[in-house]
Amino acid sequence: MTKFSTVRFNAGNDSCGNPRRVFVVFCKGEIIASYNEEYRGEKAIYNRYHRAAYCGVTIMVTPKEYKDLVSGRYWCKYLLKEGI
């Protein structure tokens, strides 16, 4: 059975109060998916990776970093920066 890990990146809320959080799922050191949390919490991950959302860690990021992660750009940059 393959094990997945999840990192939740949190950029707080925008000026309208909307959450800016994204789950990044990886397996064996490779990023395989990202899910914008919006208002769904752990339920943002709706497929076979959903169990990984309950045991992940949260890392605070800037709004720009959040936008890059949601778009799928620069994943490795942030994971290396945080030593993950």
N, C-alpha and C. Protein backbone atom coordinates (compact mmCIF):
# COMPACT_ATOMS: atom_id res chain seq x y z
N MET A 1 0.83 -1.18 0.00
CA MET A 1 0.00 0.00 0.00
C MET A 1 0.88 1.25 0.00
N THR A 2 0.59 2.17 -0.88
CA THR A 2 1.35 3.40 -0.99
C THR A 2 0.89 4.39 0.09
N LYS A 3 1.86 5.04 0.72
CA LYS A 3 1.53 6.03 1.74
C LYS A 3 1.75 7.42 1.17
N PHE A 4 0.81 8.30 1.48
CA PHE A 4 0.86 9.67 1.03
C PHE A 4 1.06 10.59 2.23
N SER A 5 1.72 11.70 2.01
CA SER A 5 1.87 12.72 3.04
C SER A 5 1.26 14.01 2.54
N THR A 6 0.77 14.80 3.47
CA THR A 6 0.13 16.06 3.11
C THR A 6 0.74 17.21 3.89
N VAL A 7 1.00 18.30 3.20
CA VAL A 7 1.42 19.54 3.84
C VAL A 7 0.34 20.56 3.54
N ARG A 8 -0.12 21.24 4.56
CA ARG A 8 -1.14 22.28 4.40
C ARG A 8 -0.44 23.62 4.52
N PHE A 9 -0.52 24.42 3.47
CA PHE A 9 0.09 25.75 3.46
C PHE A 9 -1.01 26.77 3.75
N ASN A 10 -0.75 27.66 4.70
CA ASN A 10 -1.75 28.61 5.19
C ASN A 10 -1.23 30.03 5.00
N ALA A 11 -2.00 30.83 4.25
CA ALA A 11 -1.65 32.25 4.05
C ALA A 11 -2.67 33.15 4.73
N GLY A 12 -3.37 32.63 5.73
CA GLY A 12 -4.36 33.44 6.44
C GLY A 12 -5.59 33.68 5.58
N ASN A 13 -6.28 34.78 5.81
CA ASN A 13 -7.47 35.13 5.04
C ASN A 13 -7.20 36.37 4.21
N ASP A 14 -7.94 36.49 3.10
CA ASP A 14 -7.79 37.69 2.29
C ASP A 14 -8.59 38.84 2.92
N SER A 15 -8.62 39.98 2.27
CA SER A 15 -9.27 41.17 2.85
C SER A 15 -10.78 41.00 3.00
N CYS A 16 -11.37 40.04 2.30
CA CYS A 16 -12.81 39.76 2.42
C CYS A 16 -13.10 38.65 3.42
N GLY A 17 -12.07 38.11 4.04
CA GLY A 17 -12.25 37.05 5.02
C GLY A 17 -12.23 35.65 4.45
N ASN A 18 -11.93 35.50 3.17
CA ASN A 18 -11.87 34.18 2.55
C ASN A 18 -10.56 33.48 2.91
N PRO A 19 -10.62 32.20 3.26
CA PRO A 19 -9.40 31.47 3.63
C PRO A 19 -8.49 31.26 2.43
N ARG A 20 -7.17 31.32 2.70
CA ARG A 20 -6.17 31.03 1.67
C ARG A 20 -5.31 29.89 2.18
N ARG A 21 -5.78 28.67 1.95
CA ARG A 21 -5.06 27.49 2.38
C ARG A 21 -5.11 26.45 1.26
N VAL A 22 -4.01 25.73 1.13
CA VAL A 22 -3.92 24.71 0.07
C VAL A 22 -3.24 23.47 0.65
N PHE A 23 -3.78 22.30 0.31
CA PHE A 23 -3.16 21.03 0.66
C PHE A 23 -2.29 20.59 -0.51
N VAL A 24 -1.06 20.18 -0.21
CA VAL A 24 -0.16 19.62 -1.22
C VAL A 24 0.11 18.18 -0.80
N VAL A 25 -0.19 17.25 -1.69
CA VAL A 25 -0.03 15.82 -1.42
C VAL A 25 1.21 15.33 -2.14
N PHE A 26 2.05 14.57 -1.43
CA PHE A 26 3.21 14.00 -2.10
C PHE A 26 3.45 12.58 -1.66
N CYS A 27 4.13 11.85 -2.52
CA CYS A 27 4.43 10.43 -2.31
C CYS A 27 5.86 10.18 -2.75
N LYS A 28 6.63 9.58 -1.87
CA LYS A 28 8.03 9.26 -2.17
C LYS A 28 8.81 10.47 -2.65
N GLY A 29 8.57 11.61 -2.03
CA GLY A 29 9.31 12.82 -2.33
C GLY A 29 8.82 13.59 -3.55
N GLU A 30 7.80 13.10 -4.23
CA GLU A 30 7.28 13.79 -5.40
C GLU A 30 5.89 14.34 -5.13
N ILE A 31 5.65 15.55 -5.55
CA ILE A 31 4.33 16.15 -5.39
C ILE A 31 3.43 15.59 -6.46
N ILE A 32 2.27 15.10 -6.02
CA ILE A 32 1.36 14.47 -6.97
C ILE A 32 0.03 15.21 -7.10
N ALA A 33 -0.27 16.12 -6.17
CA ALA A 33 -1.54 16.84 -6.26
C ALA A 33 -1.54 18.05 -5.33
N SER A 34 -2.41 19.01 -5.65
CA SER A 34 -2.68 20.12 -4.74
C SER A 34 -4.17 20.42 -4.77
N TYR A 35 -4.70 20.81 -3.61
CA TYR A 35 -6.13 21.06 -3.48
C TYR A 35 -6.34 22.36 -2.71
N ASN A 36 -7.03 23.30 -3.32
CA ASN A 36 -7.37 24.55 -2.65
C ASN A 36 -8.42 24.23 -1.59
N GLU A 37 -8.15 24.56 -0.34
CA GLU A 37 -9.04 24.19 0.76
C GLU A 37 -10.36 24.95 0.73
N GLU A 38 -10.33 26.23 0.39
CA GLU A 38 -11.51 27.09 0.42
C GLU A 38 -12.22 26.94 1.77
N TYR A 39 -13.50 26.63 1.81
CA TYR A 39 -14.23 26.48 3.07
C TYR A 39 -14.48 25.02 3.44
N ARG A 40 -13.85 24.10 2.72
CA ARG A 40 -14.13 22.68 2.93
C ARG A 40 -13.26 22.00 3.96
N GLY A 41 -12.19 22.59 4.38
CA GLY A 41 -11.29 21.94 5.33
C GLY A 41 -10.68 20.69 4.72
N GLU A 42 -10.55 19.63 5.54
CA GLU A 42 -9.95 18.38 5.06
C GLU A 42 -10.76 17.76 3.93
N LYS A 43 -12.03 18.12 3.80
CA LYS A 43 -12.87 17.56 2.74
C LYS A 43 -12.52 18.12 1.37
N ALA A 44 -11.59 19.06 1.32
CA ALA A 44 -11.13 19.59 0.02
C ALA A 44 -10.46 18.48 -0.78
N ILE A 45 -9.89 17.52 -0.08
CA ILE A 45 -9.28 16.37 -0.76
C ILE A 45 -10.35 15.30 -0.84
N TYR A 46 -10.88 15.10 -2.02
CA TYR A 46 -12.09 14.30 -2.19
C TYR A 46 -11.84 12.91 -2.77
N ASN A 47 -10.60 12.53 -2.99
CA ASN A 47 -10.34 11.23 -3.58
C ASN A 47 -9.52 10.36 -2.63
N ARG A 48 -8.75 9.46 -3.16
CA ARG A 48 -8.04 8.50 -2.31
C ARG A 48 -7.00 9.13 -1.40
N TYR A 49 -6.66 10.39 -1.59
CA TYR A 49 -5.68 11.05 -0.74
C TYR A 49 -6.31 11.68 0.51
N HIS A 50 -7.61 11.58 0.66
CA HIS A 50 -8.29 12.32 1.74
C HIS A 50 -7.82 11.91 3.13
N ARG A 51 -7.42 10.70 3.34
CA ARG A 51 -6.96 10.29 4.67
C ARG A 51 -5.66 10.97 5.06
N ALA A 52 -4.83 11.30 4.08
CA ALA A 52 -3.56 11.97 4.36
C ALA A 52 -3.78 13.38 4.90
N ALA A 53 -4.92 13.97 4.62
CA ALA A 53 -5.19 15.34 5.08
C ALA A 53 -5.31 15.44 6.59
N TYR A 54 -5.65 14.35 7.25
CA TYR A 54 -5.87 14.39 8.70
C TYR A 54 -4.59 14.30 9.51
N CYS A 55 -3.49 13.96 8.87
CA CYS A 55 -2.25 13.80 9.64
C CYS A 55 -1.12 14.67 9.11
N GLY A 56 -1.45 15.66 8.32
CA GLY A 56 -0.43 16.53 7.75
C GLY A 56 -0.01 17.64 8.69
N VAL A 57 0.96 18.42 8.25
CA VAL A 57 1.43 19.57 9.01
C VAL A 57 0.99 20.84 8.29
N THR A 58 0.96 21.95 9.02
CA THR A 58 0.60 23.24 8.44
C THR A 58 1.81 24.16 8.49
N ILE A 59 2.07 24.83 7.37
CA ILE A 59 3.18 25.78 7.27
C ILE A 59 2.59 27.11 6.84
N MET A 60 2.94 28.17 7.54
CA MET A 60 2.48 29.52 7.19
C MET A 60 3.29 30.02 5.99
N VAL A 61 2.59 30.61 5.01
CA VAL A 61 3.23 31.17 3.82
C VAL A 61 2.64 32.54 3.53
N THR A 62 3.25 33.27 2.62
CA THR A 62 2.74 34.57 2.21
C THR A 62 1.62 34.38 1.18
N PRO A 63 0.79 35.40 0.95
CA PRO A 63 -0.24 35.28 -0.09
C PRO A 63 0.33 34.95 -1.47
N LYS A 64 1.50 35.49 -1.82
CA LYS A 64 2.11 35.17 -3.11
C LYS A 64 2.50 33.70 -3.18
N GLU A 65 3.08 33.18 -2.11
CA GLU A 65 3.45 31.77 -2.09
C GLU A 65 2.20 30.89 -2.21
N TYR A 66 1.13 31.28 -1.54
CA TYR A 66 -0.14 30.55 -1.63
C TYR A 66 -0.62 30.49 -3.08
N LYS A 67 -0.61 31.62 -3.77
CA LYS A 67 -1.06 31.65 -5.17
C LYS A 67 -0.20 30.74 -6.04
N ASP A 68 1.10 30.75 -5.80
CA ASP A 68 2.00 29.87 -6.56
C ASP A 68 1.69 28.40 -6.30
N LEU A 69 1.41 28.06 -5.04
CA LEU A 69 1.12 26.67 -4.70
C LEU A 69 -0.22 26.21 -5.28
N VAL A 70 -1.22 27.06 -5.25
CA VAL A 70 -2.53 26.71 -5.82
C VAL A 70 -2.40 26.49 -7.31
N SER A 71 -1.59 27.30 -7.96
CA SER A 71 -1.43 27.17 -9.41
C SER A 71 -0.52 26.01 -9.78
N GLY A 72 0.17 25.42 -8.80
CA GLY A 72 1.06 24.30 -9.08
C GLY A 72 2.49 24.70 -9.40
N ARG A 73 2.78 26.00 -9.36
CA ARG A 73 4.14 26.46 -9.65
C ARG A 73 5.00 26.45 -8.39
N TYR A 74 6.24 26.19 -8.55
CA TYR A 74 7.26 26.36 -7.51
C TYR A 74 7.06 25.46 -6.28
N TRP A 75 6.44 24.31 -6.44
CA TRP A 75 6.26 23.42 -5.28
C TRP A 75 7.59 23.07 -4.63
N CYS A 76 8.52 22.64 -5.42
CA CYS A 76 9.81 22.21 -4.86
C CYS A 76 10.49 23.34 -4.10
N LYS A 77 10.38 24.54 -4.61
CA LYS A 77 11.01 25.70 -3.97
C LYS A 77 10.54 25.82 -2.51
N TYR A 78 9.23 25.69 -2.27
CA TYR A 78 8.70 25.85 -0.93
C TYR A 78 9.00 24.65 -0.04
N LEU A 79 8.96 23.47 -0.61
CA LEU A 79 9.27 22.29 0.19
C LEU A 79 10.74 22.30 0.62
N LEU A 80 11.62 22.71 -0.29
CA LEU A 80 13.05 22.79 0.07
C LEU A 80 13.28 23.90 1.08
N LYS A 81 12.60 25.02 0.92
CA LYS A 81 12.74 26.15 1.84
C LYS A 81 12.39 25.75 3.26
N GLU A 82 11.35 24.92 3.40
CA GLU A 82 10.91 24.50 4.73
C GLU A 82 11.61 23.24 5.22
N GLY A 83 12.48 22.66 4.40
CA GLY A 83 13.22 21.46 4.80
C GLY A 83 12.37 20.20 4.83
N ILE A 84 11.36 20.15 3.97
CA ILE A 84 10.48 18.99 3.96
C ILE A 84 10.97 17.99 2.93
